[in-house]
C-alpha atoms as a PDB file:
ATOM      1  CA  MET A   1      -3.087 -66.472  12.158  1.00  0.00           C
ATOM      2  CA  SER A   2      -1.283 -68.576   9.313  1.00  0.00           C
ATOM      3  CA  ILE A   3       1.040 -71.255  10.274  1.00  0.00           C
ATOM      4  CA  ALA A   4       3.707 -69.796   8.504  1.00  0.00           C
ATOM      5  CA  ALA A   5       2.878 -66.364  10.360  1.00  0.00           C
ATOM      6  CA  ARG A   6       3.220 -68.032  13.767  1.00  0.00           C
ATOM      7  CA  ASN A   7       6.748 -69.875  12.893  1.00  0.00           C
ATOM      8  CA  VAL A   8       8.151 -66.338  11.536  1.00  0.00           C
ATOM      9  CA  ILE A   9       6.985 -64.946  15.115  1.00  0.00           C
ATOM     10  CA  ARG A  10       8.342 -67.684  17.266  1.00  0.00           C
ATOM     11  CA  LEU A  11      11.541 -67.255  15.360  1.00  0.00           C
ATOM     12  CA  LEU A  12      11.308 -63.584  16.111  1.00  0.00           C
ATOM     13  CA  VAL A  13      11.027 -64.062  19.362  1.00  0.00           C
ATOM     14  CA  ALA A  14      13.847 -66.773  19.664  1.00  0.00           C
ATOM     15  CA  THR A  15      16.230 -64.246  18.382  1.00  0.00           C
ATOM     16  CA  ALA A  16      15.233 -61.628  20.421  1.00  0.00           C
ATOM     17  CA  ALA A  17      15.419 -64.439  23.751  1.00  0.00           C
ATOM     18  CA  ILE A  18      19.106 -65.102  22.687  1.00  0.00           C
ATOM     19  CA  ILE A  19      20.363 -61.656  21.674  1.00  0.00           C
ATOM     20  CA  LEU A  20      19.361 -60.505  25.225  1.00  0.00           C
ATOM     21  CA  SER A  21      20.410 -63.219  26.708  1.00  0.00           C
ATOM     22  CA  ALA A  22      24.089 -62.874  25.370  1.00  0.00           C
ATOM     23  CA  ALA A  23      23.986 -58.799  26.109  1.00  0.00           C
ATOM     24  CA  LEU A  24      22.675 -59.894  29.815  1.00  0.00           C
ATOM     25  CA  LEU A  25      25.746 -62.198  29.969  1.00  0.00           C
ATOM     26  CA  ASN A  26      28.319 -59.848  28.659  1.00  0.00           C
ATOM     27  CA  PHE A  27      26.781 -56.675  31.212  1.00  0.00           C
ATOM     28  CA  THR A  28      27.149 -59.395  33.532  1.00  0.00           C
ATOM     29  CA  VAL A  29      30.899 -60.584  33.545  1.00  0.00           C
ATOM     30  CA  ASP A  30      31.565 -58.139  31.219  1.00  0.00           C
ATOM     31  CA  PRO A  31      35.763 -59.529  31.453  1.00  0.00           C
ATOM     32  CA  LEU A  32      37.109 -56.192  30.215  1.00  0.00           C
ATOM     33  CA  GLN A  33      34.536 -53.744  32.693  1.00  0.00           C
ATOM     34  CA  LEU A  34      33.908 -51.757  29.659  1.00  0.00           C
ATOM     35  CA  PHE A  35      30.301 -50.959  30.841  1.00  0.00           C
ATOM     36  CA  ARG A  36      30.796 -50.738  34.989  1.00  0.00           C
ATOM     37  CA  PRO A  37      33.905 -51.945  37.178  1.00  0.00           C
ATOM     38  CA  ALA A  38      33.984 -55.334  38.185  1.00  0.00           C
ATOM     39  CA  ARG A  39      32.230 -56.710  41.439  1.00  0.00           C
ATOM     40  CA  LEU A  40      32.248 -60.179  41.358  1.00  0.00           C
ATOM     41  CA  PHE A  41      35.930 -60.688  40.792  1.00  0.00           C
ATOM     42  CA  ALA A  42      38.801 -58.662  41.194  1.00  0.00           C
ATOM     43  CA  ALA A  43      40.168 -56.185  38.574  1.00  0.00           C
ATOM     44  CA  MET A  44      43.736 -57.608  36.673  1.00  0.00           C
ATOM     45  CA  TYR A  45      45.663 -56.089  34.561  1.00  0.00           C
ATOM     46  CA  SER A  46      46.133 -58.047  30.685  1.00  0.00           C
ATOM     47  CA  SER A  47      49.617 -57.922  29.881  1.00  0.00           C
ATOM     48  CA  ASP A  48      48.267 -58.006  26.130  1.00  0.00           C
ATOM     49  CA  SER A  49      48.995 -54.875  24.620  1.00  0.00           C
ATOM     50  CA  ARG A  50      45.713 -55.121  21.740  1.00  0.00           C
ATOM     51  CA  MET A  51      43.387 -54.544  24.981  1.00  0.00           C
ATOM     52  CA  GLN A  52      45.850 -52.237  26.785  1.00  0.00           C
ATOM     53  CA  ASP A  53      45.740 -50.136  23.600  1.00  0.00           C
ATOM     54  CA  ALA A  54      41.888 -49.916  23.598  1.00  0.00           C
ATOM     55  CA  GLY A  55      41.953 -47.647  27.193  1.00  0.00           C
ATOM     56  CA  LEU A  56      44.430 -45.919  26.400  1.00  0.00           C
ATOM     57  CA  ILE A  57      42.913 -44.299  22.956  1.00  0.00           C
ATOM     58  CA  ARG A  58      39.726 -44.032  25.128  1.00  0.00           C
ATOM     59  CA  SER A  59      40.849 -42.047  27.572  1.00  0.00           C
END
């Protein structure tokens, strides 16, 4: 395998690792409770209407 092909594979693996770690962090923290109810901290409501409107539209 050539050096260029190895570098492309390393780039793809690094990109996948970064994307997966960001997704895992978002799923773990999930400040807006989009994926599951909060377990690490108590749920709280925001006074920002932009966040509330998304929940109203969904339900």
